[in-house]
Amino acid sequence: SGISKSLEGGKTYFGSPAEEAREKLKQIASVKEIPGILKKLKKI
């Protein structure tokens, strides 16, 4: 992880720039869905 600003205590962080880990992992999962969404759009 890359930390570019101060972070609150008591939480788990991930990514660059670092964010709360659950939110960051959701974002990564969403990015993986983009190719499938684009394929569906092409068929419309």
Full PDB file with SEQRES, HELIX, SHEET, SSBOND, CRYST1, ORIGX, SCALE, CONECT and MASTER records, all heavy atoms in Angstrom:
SEQRES   1 A   44  SER GLY ILE SER LYS SER LEU GLU GLY GLY LYS THR TYR          
SEQRES   2 A   44  PHE GLY SER PRO ALA GLU GLU ALA ARG GLU LYS LEU LYS          
SEQRES   3 A   44  GLN ILE ALA SER VAL LYS GLU ILE PRO GLY ILE LEU LYS          
SEQRES   4 A   44  LYS LEU LYS LYS ILE                                          
HELIX    1 AA1 ALA A   21  LYS A   32  1                                  12    
HELIX    2 AA2 ILE A   34  LYS A   43  1                                  10    
CRYST1    1.000    1.000    1.000  90.00  90.00  90.00 P 1           1          
ORIGX1      1.000000  0.000000  0.000000        0.00000                         
ORIGX2      0.000000  1.000000  0.000000        0.00000                         
ORIGX3      0.000000  0.000000  1.000000        0.00000                         
SCALE1      1.000000  0.000000  0.000000        0.00000                         
SCALE2      0.000000  1.000000  0.000000        0.00000                         
SCALE3      0.000000  0.000000  1.000000        0.00000                         
ATOM      1  N   SER A   1       0.839  -1.203   0.000  1.00  0.00           N  
ATOM      2  CA  SER A   1       0.000   0.000   0.000  1.00  0.00           C  
ATOM      3  C   SER A   1       0.876   1.256   0.000  1.00  0.00           C  
ATOM      4  O   SER A   1       1.984   1.264   0.542  1.00  0.00           O  
ATOM      5  CB  SER A   1      -0.911   0.015   1.225  1.00  0.00           C  
ATOM      6  OG  SER A   1      -1.841  -1.054   1.168  1.00  0.00           O  
ATOM      7  N   GLY A   2       0.353   2.320  -0.599  1.00  0.00           N  
ATOM      8  CA  GLY A   2       1.034   3.605  -0.625  1.00  0.00           C  
ATOM      9  C   GLY A   2       0.224   4.645   0.134  1.00  0.00           C  
ATOM     10  O   GLY A   2      -0.938   4.889  -0.196  1.00  0.00           O  
ATOM     11  N   ILE A   3       0.827   5.235   1.157  1.00  0.00           N  
ATOM     12  CA  ILE A   3       0.107   6.186   2.008  1.00  0.00           C  
ATOM     13  C   ILE A   3       0.528   7.600   1.639  1.00  0.00           C  
ATOM     14  O   ILE A   3       1.690   7.978   1.796  1.00  0.00           O  
ATOM     15  CB  ILE A   3       0.392   5.903   3.494  1.00  0.00           C  
ATOM     16  CG1 ILE A   3      -0.104   4.497   3.853  1.00  0.00           C  
ATOM     17  CG2 ILE A   3      -0.273   6.944   4.386  1.00  0.00           C  
ATOM     18  CD1 ILE A   3       0.298   4.035   5.224  1.00  0.00           C  
ATOM     19  N   SER A   4      -0.427   8.390   1.150  1.00  0.00           N  
ATOM     20  CA  SER A   4      -0.142   9.744   0.687  1.00  0.00           C  
ATOM     21  C   SER A   4      -0.684  10.818   1.616  1.00  0.00           C  
ATOM     22  O   SER A   4      -0.489  12.007   1.364  1.00  0.00           O  
ATOM     23  CB  SER A   4      -0.743   9.944  -0.714  1.00  0.00           C  
ATOM     24  OG  SER A   4      -2.148   9.733  -0.686  1.00  0.00           O  
ATOM     25  N   LYS A   5      -1.379  10.414   2.683  1.00  0.00           N  
ATOM     26  CA  LYS A   5      -1.933  11.377   3.636  1.00  0.00           C  
ATOM     27  C   LYS A   5      -2.134  10.665   4.969  1.00  0.00           C  
ATOM     28  O   LYS A   5      -2.004   9.439   5.067  1.00  0.00           O  
ATOM     29  CB  LYS A   5      -3.267  11.925   3.130  1.00  0.00           C  
ATOM     30  CG  LYS A   5      -4.338  10.851   2.948  1.00  0.00           C  
ATOM     31  CD  LYS A   5      -5.638  11.440   2.426  1.00  0.00           C  
ATOM     32  CE  LYS A   5      -6.701  10.344   2.283  1.00  0.00           C  
ATOM     33  NZ  LYS A   5      -7.981  10.901   1.764  1.00  0.00           N  
ATOM     34  N   SER A   6      -2.475  11.425   5.986  1.00  0.00           N  
ATOM     35  CA  SER A   6      -2.696  10.840   7.310  1.00  0.00           C  
ATOM     36  C   SER A   6      -3.916   9.920   7.309  1.00  0.00           C  
ATOM     37  O   SER A   6      -4.876  10.146   6.571  1.00  0.00           O  
ATOM     38  CB  SER A   6      -2.880  11.944   8.357  1.00  0.00           C  
ATOM     39  OG  SER A   6      -1.699  12.710   8.483  1.00  0.00           O  
ATOM     40  N   LEU A   7      -3.856   8.871   8.151  1.00  0.00           N  
ATOM     41  CA  LEU A   7      -4.931   7.889   8.232  1.00  0.00           C  
ATOM     42  C   LEU A   7      -5.413   7.764   9.673  1.00  0.00           C  
ATOM     43  O   LEU A   7      -4.608   7.801  10.605  1.00  0.00           O  
ATOM     44  CB  LEU A   7      -4.443   6.519   7.741  1.00  0.00           C  
ATOM     45  CG  LEU A   7      -3.918   6.446   6.310  1.00  0.00           C  
ATOM     46  CD1 LEU A   7      -3.394   5.030   6.024  1.00  0.00           C  
ATOM     47  CD2 LEU A   7      -4.990   6.826   5.300  1.00  0.00           C  
ATOM     48  N   GLU A   8      -6.703   7.572   9.839  1.00  0.00           N  
ATOM     49  CA  GLU A   8      -7.280   7.385  11.168  1.00  0.00           C  
ATOM     50  C   GLU A   8      -6.864   6.038  11.751  1.00  0.00           C  
ATOM     51  O   GLU A   8      -6.607   5.078  11.022  1.00  0.00           O  
ATOM     52  CB  GLU A   8      -8.810   7.439  11.099  1.00  0.00           C  
ATOM     53  CG  GLU A   8      -9.379   8.782  10.726  1.00  0.00           C  
ATOM     54  CD  GLU A   8     -10.892   8.757  10.678  1.00  0.00           C  
ATOM     55  OE1 GLU A   8     -11.486   7.752  11.140  1.00  0.00           O  
ATOM     56  OE2 GLU A   8     -11.485   9.726  10.177  1.00  0.00           O  
ATOM     57  N   GLY A   9      -6.858   5.978  13.064  1.00  0.00           N  
ATOM     58  CA  GLY A   9      -6.532   4.732  13.729  1.00  0.00           C  
ATOM     59  C   GLY A   9      -7.692   3.764  13.768  1.00  0.00           C  
ATOM     60  O   GLY A   9      -8.835   4.105  13.426  1.00  0.00           O  
ATOM     61  N   GLY A  10      -7.380   2.510  14.138  1.00  0.00           N  
ATOM     62  CA  GLY A  10      -8.415   1.506  14.348  1.00  0.00           C  
ATOM     63  C   GLY A  10      -9.035   0.949  13.091  1.00  0.00           C  
ATOM     64  O   GLY A  10     -10.077   0.280  13.160  1.00  0.00           O  
ATOM     65  N   LYS A  11      -8.442   1.186  11.935  1.00  0.00           N  
ATOM     66  CA  LYS A  11      -8.989   0.701  10.673  1.00  0.00           C  
ATOM     67  C   LYS A  11      -7.911  -0.039   9.888  1.00  0.00           C  
ATOM     68  O   LYS A  11      -6.720   0.105  10.162  1.00  0.00           O  
ATOM     69  CB  LYS A  11      -9.535   1.859   9.842  1.00  0.00           C  
ATOM     70  CG  LYS A  11     -10.669   2.622  10.501  1.00  0.00           C  
ATOM     71  CD  LYS A  11     -11.146   3.786   9.629  1.00  0.00           C  
ATOM     72  CE  LYS A  11     -12.277   4.553  10.297  1.00  0.00           C  
ATOM     73  NZ  LYS A  11     -12.738   5.698   9.471  1.00  0.00           N  
ATOM     74  N   THR A  12      -8.350  -0.825   8.905  1.00  0.00           N  
ATOM     75  CA  THR A  12      -7.432  -1.539   8.021  1.00  0.00           C  
ATOM     76  C   THR A  12      -7.454  -0.885   6.653  1.00  0.00           C  
ATOM     77  O   THR A  12      -8.528  -0.589   6.105  1.00  0.00           O  
ATOM     78  CB  THR A  12      -7.830  -3.019   7.913  1.00  0.00           C  
ATOM     79  OG1 THR A  12      -7.767  -3.615   9.215  1.00  0.00           O  
ATOM     80  CG2 THR A  12      -6.893  -3.777   6.979  1.00  0.00           C  
ATOM     81  N   TYR A  13      -6.260  -0.675   6.078  1.00  0.00           N  
ATOM     82  CA  TYR A  13      -6.132   0.064   4.818  1.00  0.00           C  
ATOM     83  C   TYR A  13      -5.398  -0.772   3.771  1.00  0.00           C  
ATOM     84  O   TYR A  13      -4.590  -1.632   4.090  1.00  0.00           O  
ATOM     85  CB  TYR A  13      -5.365   1.363   5.049  1.00  0.00           C  
ATOM     86  CG  TYR A  13      -6.055   2.321   5.990  1.00  0.00           C  
ATOM     87  CD1 TYR A  13      -5.779   2.285   7.363  1.00  0.00           C  
ATOM     88  CD2 TYR A  13      -6.981   3.245   5.537  1.00  0.00           C  
ATOM     89  CE1 TYR A  13      -6.416   3.149   8.230  1.00  0.00           C  
ATOM     90  CE2 TYR A  13      -7.620   4.118   6.398  1.00  0.00           C  
ATOM     91  CZ  TYR A  13      -7.332   4.065   7.745  1.00  0.00           C  
ATOM     92  OH  TYR A  13      -7.958   4.927   8.610  1.00  0.00           O  
ATOM     93  N   PHE A  14      -5.695  -0.449   2.488  1.00  0.00           N  
ATOM     94  CA  PHE A  14      -5.053  -1.159   1.381  1.00  0.00           C  
ATOM     95  C   PHE A  14      -5.072  -0.263   0.152  1.00  0.00           C  
ATOM     96  O   PHE A  14      -5.973   0.561  -0.034  1.00  0.00           O  
ATOM     97  CB  PHE A  14      -5.790  -2.468   1.079  1.00  0.00           C  
ATOM     98  CG  PHE A  14      -5.273  -3.184  -0.139  1.00  0.00           C  
ATOM     99  CD1 PHE A  14      -3.981  -3.693  -0.171  1.00  0.00           C  
ATOM    100  CD2 PHE A  14      -6.064  -3.339  -1.259  1.00  0.00           C  
ATOM    101  CE1 PHE A  14      -3.502  -4.349  -1.295  1.00  0.00           C  
ATOM    102  CE2 PHE A  14      -5.595  -3.998  -2.389  1.00  0.00           C  
ATOM    103  CZ  PHE A  14      -4.305  -4.508  -2.400  1.00  0.00           C  
ATOM    104  N   GLY A  15      -4.070  -0.462  -0.707  1.00  0.00           N  
ATOM    105  CA  GLY A  15      -4.052   0.195  -2.009  1.00  0.00           C  
ATOM    106  C   GLY A  15      -3.144   1.405  -2.064  1.00  0.00           C  
ATOM    107  O   GLY A  15      -2.515   1.797  -1.092  1.00  0.00           O  
ATOM    108  N   SER A  16      -3.084   1.999  -3.263  1.00  0.00           N  
ATOM    109  CA  SER A  16      -2.259   3.182  -3.486  1.00  0.00           C  
ATOM    110  C   SER A  16      -3.002   4.159  -4.397  1.00  0.00           C  
ATOM    111  O   SER A  16      -3.176   3.870  -5.576  1.00  0.00           O  
ATOM    112  CB  SER A  16      -0.922   2.797  -4.116  1.00  0.00           C  
ATOM    113  OG  SER A  16      -0.074   3.895  -4.215  1.00  0.00           O  
ATOM    114  N   PRO A  17      -3.498   5.269  -3.852  1.00  0.00           N  
ATOM    115  CA  PRO A  17      -3.379   5.673  -2.446  1.00  0.00           C  
ATOM    116  C   PRO A  17      -4.236   4.799  -1.539  1.00  0.00           C  
ATOM    117  O   PRO A  17      -5.296   4.310  -1.935  1.00  0.00           O  
ATOM    118  CB  PRO A  17      -3.885   7.115  -2.452  1.00  0.00           C  
ATOM    119  CG  PRO A  17      -4.815   7.183  -3.614  1.00  0.00           C  
ATOM    120  CD  PRO A  17      -4.243   6.269  -4.657  1.00  0.00           C  
ATOM    121  N   ALA A  18      -3.751   4.603  -0.316  1.00  0.00           N  
ATOM    122  CA  ALA A  18      -4.416   3.693   0.610  1.00  0.00           C  
ATOM    123  C   ALA A  18      -5.795   4.207   1.009  1.00  0.00           C  
ATOM    124  O   ALA A  18      -5.984   5.392   1.279  1.00  0.00           O  
ATOM    125  CB  ALA A  18      -3.548   3.509   1.857  1.00  0.00           C  
ATOM    126  N   GLU A  19      -6.758   3.283   1.028  1.00  0.00           N  
ATOM    127  CA  GLU A  19      -8.111   3.558   1.502  1.00  0.00           C  
ATOM    128  C   GLU A  19      -8.520   2.399   2.409  1.00  0.00           C  
ATOM    129  O   GLU A  19      -7.827   1.389   2.491  1.00  0.00           O  
ATOM    130  CB  GLU A  19      -9.085   3.661   0.325  1.00  0.00           C  
ATOM    131  CG  GLU A  19      -8.758   4.767  -0.669  1.00  0.00           C  
ATOM    132  CD  GLU A  19      -9.721   4.786  -1.831  1.00  0.00           C  
ATOM    133  OE1 GLU A  19     -10.920   4.515  -1.612  1.00  0.00           O  
ATOM    134  OE2 GLU A  19      -9.287   5.044  -2.962  1.00  0.00           O  
ATOM    135  N   GLU A  20      -9.669   2.537   3.065  1.00  0.00           N  
ATOM    136  CA  GLU A  20     -10.142   1.418   3.878  1.00  0.00           C  
ATOM    137  C   GLU A  20     -10.204   0.159   3.021  1.00  0.00           C  
ATOM    138  O   GLU A  20     -10.695   0.185   1.892  1.00  0.00           O  
ATOM    139  CB  GLU A  20     -11.511   1.739   4.472  1.00  0.00           C  
ATOM    140  CG  GLU A  20     -11.429   2.725   5.637  1.00  0.00           C  
ATOM    141  CD  GLU A  20     -12.724   2.786   6.414  1.00  0.00           C  
ATOM    142  OE1 GLU A  20     -13.126   1.752   6.985  1.00  0.00           O  
ATOM    143  OE2 GLU A  20     -13.334   3.870   6.435  1.00  0.00           O  
ATOM    144  N   ALA A  21      -9.698  -0.936   3.560  1.00  0.00           N  
ATOM    145  CA  ALA A  21      -9.474  -2.135   2.761  1.00  0.00           C  
ATOM    146  C   ALA A  21     -10.753  -2.674   2.130  1.00  0.00           C  
ATOM    147  O   ALA A  21     -10.760  -3.050   0.947  1.00  0.00           O  
ATOM    148  CB  ALA A  21      -8.815  -3.210   3.624  1.00  0.00           C  
ATOM    149  N   ARG A  22     -11.849  -2.723   2.874  1.00  0.00           N  
ATOM    150  CA  ARG A  22     -13.094  -3.263   2.309  1.00  0.00           C  
ATOM    151  C   ARG A  22     -13.552  -2.458   1.111  1.00  0.00           C  
ATOM    152  O   ARG A  22     -13.959  -3.010   0.085  1.00  0.00           O  
ATOM    153  CB  ARG A  22     -14.187  -3.284   3.377  1.00  0.00           C  
ATOM    154  CG  ARG A  22     -14.010  -4.370   4.433  1.00  0.00           C  
ATOM    155  CD  ARG A  22     -15.190  -4.407   5.368  1.00  0.00           C  
ATOM    156  NE  ARG A  22     -15.045  -5.425   6.396  1.00  0.00           N  
ATOM    157  CZ  ARG A  22     -15.931  -5.668   7.347  1.00  0.00           C  
ATOM    158  NH1 ARG A  22     -17.046  -4.945   7.393  1.00  0.00           N  
ATOM    159  NH2 ARG A  22     -15.726  -6.618   8.238  1.00  0.00           N  
ATOM    160  N   GLU A  23     -13.484  -1.126   1.237  1.00  0.00           N  
ATOM    161  CA  GLU A  23     -13.907  -0.266   0.133  1.00  0.00           C  
ATOM    162  C   GLU A  23     -12.988  -0.437  -1.070  1.00  0.00           C  
ATOM    163  O   GLU A  23     -13.440  -0.502  -2.218  1.00  0.00           O  
ATOM    164  CB  GLU A  23     -13.913   1.193   0.599  1.00  0.00           C  
ATOM    165  CG  GLU A  23     -14.337   2.194  -0.463  1.00  0.00           C  
ATOM    166  CD  GLU A  23     -15.745   1.951  -0.989  1.00  0.00           C  
ATOM    167  OE1 GLU A  23     -16.598   1.453  -0.221  1.00  0.00           O  
ATOM    168  OE2 GLU A  23     -15.985   2.247  -2.174  1.00  0.00           O  
ATOM    169  N   LYS A  24     -11.688  -0.530  -0.810  1.00  0.00           N  
ATOM    170  CA  LYS A  24     -10.730  -0.683  -1.909  1.00  0.00           C  
ATOM    171  C   LYS A  24     -10.918  -2.011  -2.629  1.00  0.00           C  
ATOM    172  O   LYS A  24     -10.875  -2.075  -3.870  1.00  0.00           O  
ATOM    173  CB  LYS A  24      -9.307  -0.595  -1.349  1.00  0.00           C  
ATOM    174  CG  LYS A  24      -8.250  -0.357  -2.418  1.00  0.00           C  
ATOM    175  CD  LYS A  24      -8.342   1.048  -2.975  1.00  0.00           C  
ATOM    176  CE  LYS A  24      -7.218   1.360  -3.924  1.00  0.00           C  
ATOM    177  NZ  LYS A  24      -7.266   2.746  -4.419  1.00  0.00           N  
ATOM    178  N   LEU A  25     -11.161  -3.076  -1.877  1.00  0.00           N  
ATOM    179  CA  LEU A  25     -11.365  -4.384  -2.494  1.00  0.00           C  
ATOM    180  C   LEU A  25     -12.655  -4.419  -3.300  1.00  0.00           C  
ATOM    181  O   LEU A  25     -12.738  -5.071  -4.351  1.00  0.00           O  
ATOM    182  CB  LEU A  25     -11.352  -5.473  -1.426  1.00  0.00           C  
ATOM    183  CG  LEU A  25      -9.984  -5.701  -0.751  1.00  0.00           C  
ATOM    184  CD1 LEU A  25     -10.123  -6.616   0.448  1.00  0.00           C  
ATOM    185  CD2 LEU A  25      -8.966  -6.255  -1.745  1.00  0.00           C  
ATOM    186  N   LYS A  26     -13.696  -3.707  -2.842  1.00  0.00           N  
ATOM    187  CA  LYS A  26     -14.928  -3.587  -3.624  1.00  0.00           C  
ATOM    188  C   LYS A  26     -14.661  -2.886  -4.961  1.00  0.00           C  
ATOM    189  O   LYS A  26     -15.179  -3.275  -6.002  1.00  0.00           O  
ATOM    190  CB  LYS A  26     -15.980  -2.808  -2.838  1.00  0.00           C  
ATOM    191  CG  LYS A  26     -16.631  -3.577  -1.702  1.00  0.00           C  
ATOM    192  CD  LYS A  26     -17.639  -2.692  -0.984  1.00  0.00           C  
ATOM    193  CE  LYS A  26     -18.238  -3.396   0.229  1.00  0.00           C  
ATOM    194  NZ  LYS A  26     -19.182  -2.515   0.959  1.00  0.00           N  
ATOM    195  N   GLN A  27     -13.825  -1.824  -4.903  1.00  0.00           N  
ATOM    196  CA  GLN A  27     -13.482  -1.099  -6.129  1.00  0.00           C  
ATOM    197  C   GLN A  27     -12.746  -2.008  -7.116  1.00  0.00           C  
ATOM    198  O   GLN A  27     -13.028  -1.986  -8.318  1.00  0.00           O  
ATOM    199  CB  GLN A  27     -12.611   0.109  -5.789  1.00  0.00           C  
ATOM    200  CG  GLN A  27     -13.312   1.193  -5.004  1.00  0.00           C  
ATOM    201  CD  GLN A  27     -12.366   2.289  -4.566  1.00  0.00           C  
ATOM    202  OE1 GLN A  27     -11.241   2.402  -5.056  1.00  0.00           O  
ATOM    203  NE2 GLN A  27     -12.808   3.112  -3.619  1.00  0.00           N  
ATOM    204  N   ILE A  28     -11.803  -2.810  -6.585  1.00  0.00           N  
ATOM    205  CA  ILE A  28     -11.055  -3.728  -7.457  1.00  0.00           C  
ATOM    206  C   ILE A  28     -11.994  -4.751  -8.084  1.00  0.00           C  
ATOM    207  O   ILE A  28     -11.896  -5.065  -9.282  1.00  0.00           O  
ATOM    208  CB  ILE A  28      -9.939  -4.416  -6.648  1.00  0.00           C  
ATOM    209  CG1 ILE A  28      -8.881  -3.386  -6.247  1.00  0.00           C  
ATOM    210  CG2 ILE A  28      -9.299  -5.556  -7.443  1.00  0.00           C  
ATOM    211  CD1 ILE A  28      -7.857  -3.895  -5.248  1.00  0.00           C  
ATOM    212  N   ALA A  29     -12.925  -5.277  -7.275  1.00  0.00           N  
ATOM    213  CA  ALA A  29     -13.899  -6.236  -7.802  1.00  0.00           C  
ATOM    214  C   ALA A  29     -14.768  -5.593  -8.886  1.00  0.00           C  
ATOM    215  O   ALA A  29     -15.079  -6.221  -9.919  1.00  0.00           O  
ATOM    216  CB  ALA A  29     -14.778  -6.758  -6.671  1.00  0.00           C  
ATOM    217  N   SER A  30     -15.137  -4.351  -8.690  1.00  0.00           N  
ATOM    218  CA  SER A  30     -15.955  -3.646  -9.681  1.00  0.00           C  
ATOM    219  C   SER A  30     -15.200  -3.437 -10.984  1.00  0.00           C  
ATOM    220  O   SER A  30     -15.755  -3.577 -12.072  1.00  0.00           O  
ATOM    221  CB  SER A  30     -16.408  -2.295  -9.124  1.00  0.00           C  
ATOM    222  OG  SER A  30     -17.223  -2.464  -7.990  1.00  0.00           O  
ATOM    223  N   VAL A  31     -13.905  -3.112 -10.871  1.00  0.00           N  
ATOM    224  CA  VAL A  31     -13.087  -2.917 -12.075  1.00  0.00           C  
ATOM    225  C   VAL A  31     -13.018  -4.201 -12.902  1.00  0.00           C  
ATOM    226  O   VAL A  31     -13.071  -4.174 -14.144  1.00  0.00           O  
ATOM    227  CB  VAL A  31     -11.675  -2.435 -11.681  1.00  0.00           C  
ATOM    228  CG1 VAL A  31     -10.721  -2.497 -12.874  1.00  0.00           C  
ATOM    229  CG2 VAL A  31     -11.733  -1.020 -11.129  1.00  0.00           C  
ATOM    230  N   LYS A  32     -12.942  -5.344 -12.233  1.00  0.00           N  
ATOM    231  CA  LYS A  32     -12.878  -6.627 -12.940  1.00  0.00           C  
ATOM    232  C   LYS A  32     -14.154  -6.905 -13.739  1.00  0.00           C  
ATOM    233  O   LYS A  32     -14.151  -7.691 -14.687  1.00  0.00           O  
ATOM    234  CB  LYS A  32     -12.622  -7.754 -11.948  1.00  0.00           C  
ATOM    235  CG  LYS A  32     -11.212  -7.760 -11.372  1.00  0.00           C  
ATOM    236  CD  LYS A  32     -11.013  -8.922 -10.414  1.00  0.00           C  
ATOM    237  CE  LYS A  32      -9.599  -8.967  -9.892  1.00  0.00           C  
ATOM    238  NZ  LYS A  32      -9.374 -10.090  -8.953  1.00  0.00           N  
ATOM    239  N   GLU A  33     -15.245  -6.283 -13.334  1.00  0.00           N  
ATOM    240  CA  GLU A  33     -16.516  -6.501 -14.032  1.00  0.00           C  
ATOM    241  C   GLU A  33     -16.659  -5.649 -15.290  1.00  0.00           C  
ATOM    242  O   GLU A  33     -17.555  -5.889 -16.098  1.00  0.00           O  
ATOM    243  CB  GLU A  33     -17.682  -6.185 -13.086  1.00  0.00           C  
ATOM    244  CG  GLU A  33     -17.787  -7.162 -11.921  1.00  0.00           C  
ATOM    245  CD  GLU A  33     -18.893  -6.781 -10.957  1.00  0.00           C  
ATOM    246  OE1 GLU A  33     -19.606  -5.802 -11.257  1.00  0.00           O  
ATOM    247  OE2 GLU A  33     -19.034  -7.439  -9.915  1.00  0.00           O  
ATOM    248  N   ILE A  34     -15.779  -4.666 -15.482  1.00  0.00           N  
ATOM    249  CA  ILE A  34     -15.914  -3.737 -16.607  1.00  0.00           C  
ATOM    250  C   ILE A  34     -15.867  -4.443 -17.965  1.00  0.00           C  
ATOM    251  O   ILE A  34     -16.699  -4.162 -18.834  1.00  0.00           O  
ATOM    252  CB  ILE A  34     -14.844  -2.630 -16.507  1.00  0.00           C  
ATOM    253  CG1 ILE A  34     -15.180  -1.702 -15.331  1.00  0.00           C  
ATOM    254  CG2 ILE A  34     -14.762  -1.827 -17.807  1.00  0.00           C  
ATOM    255  CD1 ILE A  34     -14.129  -0.643 -15.055  1.00  0.00           C  
ATOM    256  N   PRO A  35     -14.923  -5.371 -18.226  1.00  0.00           N  
ATOM    257  CA  PRO A  35     -14.920  -6.030 -19.547  1.00  0.00           C  
ATOM    258  C   PRO A  35     -16.250  -6.721 -19.865  1.00  0.00           C  
ATOM    259  O   PRO A  35     -16.737  -6.648 -20.995  1.00  0.00           O  
ATOM    260  CB  PRO A  35     -13.778  -7.055 -19.423  1.00  0.00           C  
ATOM    261  CG  PRO A  35     -12.862  -6.466 -18.402  1.00  0.00           C  
ATOM    262  CD  PRO A  35     -13.764  -5.813 -17.405  1.00  0.00           C  
ATOM    263  N   GLY A  36     -16.833  -7.388 -18.865  1.00  0.00           N  
ATOM    264  CA  GLY A  36     -18.113  -8.040 -19.093  1.00  0.00           C  
ATOM    265  C   GLY A  36     -19.212  -7.047 -19.384  1.00  0.00           C  
ATOM    266  O   GLY A  36     -20.079  -7.298 -20.254  1.00  0.00           O  
ATOM    267  N   ILE A  37     -19.225  -5.933 -18.714  1.00  0.00           N  
ATOM    268  CA  ILE A  37     -20.225  -4.904 -18.961  1.00  0.00           C  
ATOM    269  C   ILE A  37     -20.071  -4.340 -20.362  1.00  0.00           C  
ATOM    270  O   ILE A  37     -21.067  -4.127 -21.077  1.00  0.00           O  
ATOM    271  CB  ILE A  37     -20.077  -3.777 -17.906  1.00  0.00           C  
ATOM    272  CG1 ILE A  37     -20.439  -4.300 -16.519  1.00  0.00           C  
ATOM    273  CG2 ILE A  37     -20.945  -2.568 -18.270  1.00  0.00           C  
ATOM    274  CD1 ILE A  37     -20.104  -3.343 -15.383  1.00  0.00           C  
ATOM    275  N   LEU A  38     -18.820  -4.124 -20.799  1.00  0.00           N  
ATOM    276  CA  LEU A  38     -18.586  -3.599 -22.144  1.00  0.00           C  
ATOM    277  C   LEU A  38     -19.063  -4.575 -23.220  1.00  0.00           C  
ATOM    278  O   LEU A  38     -19.620  -4.174 -24.257  1.00  0.00           O  
ATOM    279  CB  LEU A  38     -17.076  -3.289 -22.322  1.00  0.00           C  
ATOM    280  CG  LEU A  38     -16.532  -2.128 -21.508  1.00  0.00           C  
ATOM    281  CD1 LEU A  38     -15.014  -2.028 -21.684  1.00  0.00           C  
ATOM    282  CD2 LEU A  38     -17.207  -0.822 -21.887  1.00  0.00           C  
ATOM    283  N   LYS A  39     -18.848  -5.886 -22.994  1.00  0.00           N  
ATOM    284  CA  LYS A  39     -19.313  -6.883 -23.952  1.00  0.00           C  
ATOM    285  C   LYS A  39     -20.831  -6.846 -24.100  1.00  0.00           C  
ATOM    286  O   LYS A  39     -21.398  -6.930 -25.188  1.00  0.00           O  
ATOM    287  CB  LYS A  39     -18.867  -8.274 -23.523  1.00  0.00           C  
ATOM    288  CG  LYS A  39     -17.381  -8.552 -23.784  1.00  0.00           C  
ATOM    289  CD  LYS A  39     -17.020  -9.953 -23.342  1.00  0.00           C  
ATOM    290  CE  LYS A  39     -15.558 -10.238 -23.559  1.00  0.00           C  
ATOM    291  NZ  LYS A  39     -15.186 -11.626 -23.141  1.00  0.00           N  
ATOM    292  N   LYS A  40     -21.508  -6.710 -22.943  1.00  0.00           N  
ATOM    293  CA  LYS A  40     -22.981  -6.633 -22.964  1.00  0.00           C  
ATOM    294  C   LYS A  40     -23.453  -5.405 -23.708  1.00  0.00           C  
ATOM    295  O   LYS A  40     -24.439  -5.450 -24.462  1.00  0.00           O  
ATOM    296  CB  LYS A  40     -23.504  -6.641 -21.535  1.00  0.00           C  
ATOM    297  CG  LYS A  40     -23.354  -7.976 -20.818  1.00  0.00           C  
ATOM    298  CD  LYS A  40     -23.875  -7.885 -19.390  1.00  0.00           C  
ATOM    299  CE  LYS A  40     -23.691  -9.214 -18.665  1.00  0.00           C  
ATOM    300  NZ  LYS A  40     -24.179  -9.158 -17.245  1.00  0.00           N  
ATOM    301  N   LEU A  41     -22.751  -4.291 -23.506  1.00  0.00           N  
ATOM    302  CA  LEU A  41     -23.145  -3.050 -24.171  1.00  0.00           C  
ATOM    303  C   LEU A  41     -23.004  -3.147 -25.698  1.00  0.00           C  
ATOM    304  O   LEU A  41     -23.802  -2.605 -26.450  1.00  0.00           O  
ATOM    305  CB  LEU A  41     -22.302  -1.874 -23.643  1.00  0.00           C  
ATOM    306  CG  LEU A  41     -22.609  -1.437 -22.206  1.00  0.00           C  
ATOM    307  CD1 LEU A  41     -21.593  -0.397 -21.738  1.00  0.00           C  
ATOM    308  CD2 LEU A  41     -24.043  -0.873 -22.091  1.00  0.00           C  
ATOM    309  N   LYS A  42     -21.949  -3.865 -26.138  1.00  0.00           N  
ATOM    310  CA  LYS A  42     -21.748  -4.029 -27.575  1.00  0.00           C  
ATOM    311  C   LYS A  42     -22.848  -4.837 -28.246  1.00  0.00           C  
ATOM    312  O   LYS A  42     -23.172  -4.677 -29.406  1.00  0.00           O  
ATOM    313  CB  LYS A  42     -20.379  -4.697 -27.830  1.00  0.00           C  
ATOM    314  CG  LYS A  42     -19.196  -3.781 -27.603  1.00  0.00           C  
ATOM    315  CD  LYS A  42     -17.890  -4.518 -27.864  1.00  0.00           C  
ATOM    316  CE  LYS A  42     -16.721  -3.603 -27.619  1.00  0.00           C  
ATOM    317  NZ  LYS A  42     -15.432  -4.305 -27.865  1.00  0.00           N  
ATOM    318  N   LYS A  43     -23.451  -5.733 -27.445  1.00  0.00           N  
ATOM    319  CA  LYS A  43     -24.502  -6.583 -27.994  1.00  0.00           C  
ATOM    320  C   LYS A  43     -25.846  -5.840 -28.084  1.00  0.00           C  
ATOM    321  O   LYS A  43     -26.769  -6.306 -28.751  1.00  0.00           O  
ATOM    322  CB  LYS A  43     -24.659  -7.828 -27.129  1.00  0.00           C  
ATOM    323  CG  LYS A  43     -23.465  -8.770 -27.212  1.00  0.00           C  
ATOM    324  CD  LYS A  43     -23.657  -9.971 -26.298  1.00  0.00           C  
ATOM    325  CE  LYS A  43     -22.460 -10.896 -26.349  1.00  0.00           C  
ATOM    326  NZ  LYS A  43     -22.617 -12.068 -25.453  1.00  0.00           N  
ATOM    327  N   ILE A  44     -25.942  -4.733 -27.348  1.00  0.00           N  
ATOM    328  CA  ILE A  44     -27.212  -4.007 -27.353  1.00  0.00           C  
ATOM    329  C   ILE A  44     -27.381  -3.219 -28.646  1.00  0.00           C  
ATOM    330  O   ILE A  44     -26.490  -2.562 -29.118  1.00  0.00           O  
ATOM    331  CB  ILE A  44     -27.285  -3.045 -26.127  1.00  0.00           C  
ATOM    332  CG1 ILE A  44     -27.281  -3.851 -24.836  1.00  0.00           C  
ATOM    333  CG2 ILE A  44     -28.529  -2.158 -26.215  1.00  0.00           C  
ATOM    334  CD1 ILE A  44     -27.223  -3.002 -23.578  1.00  0.00           C  
TER     335      ILE A  44                                                      
MASTER        0    0    0    2    0    0    0    6  334    1    0    4          
END                                                                             
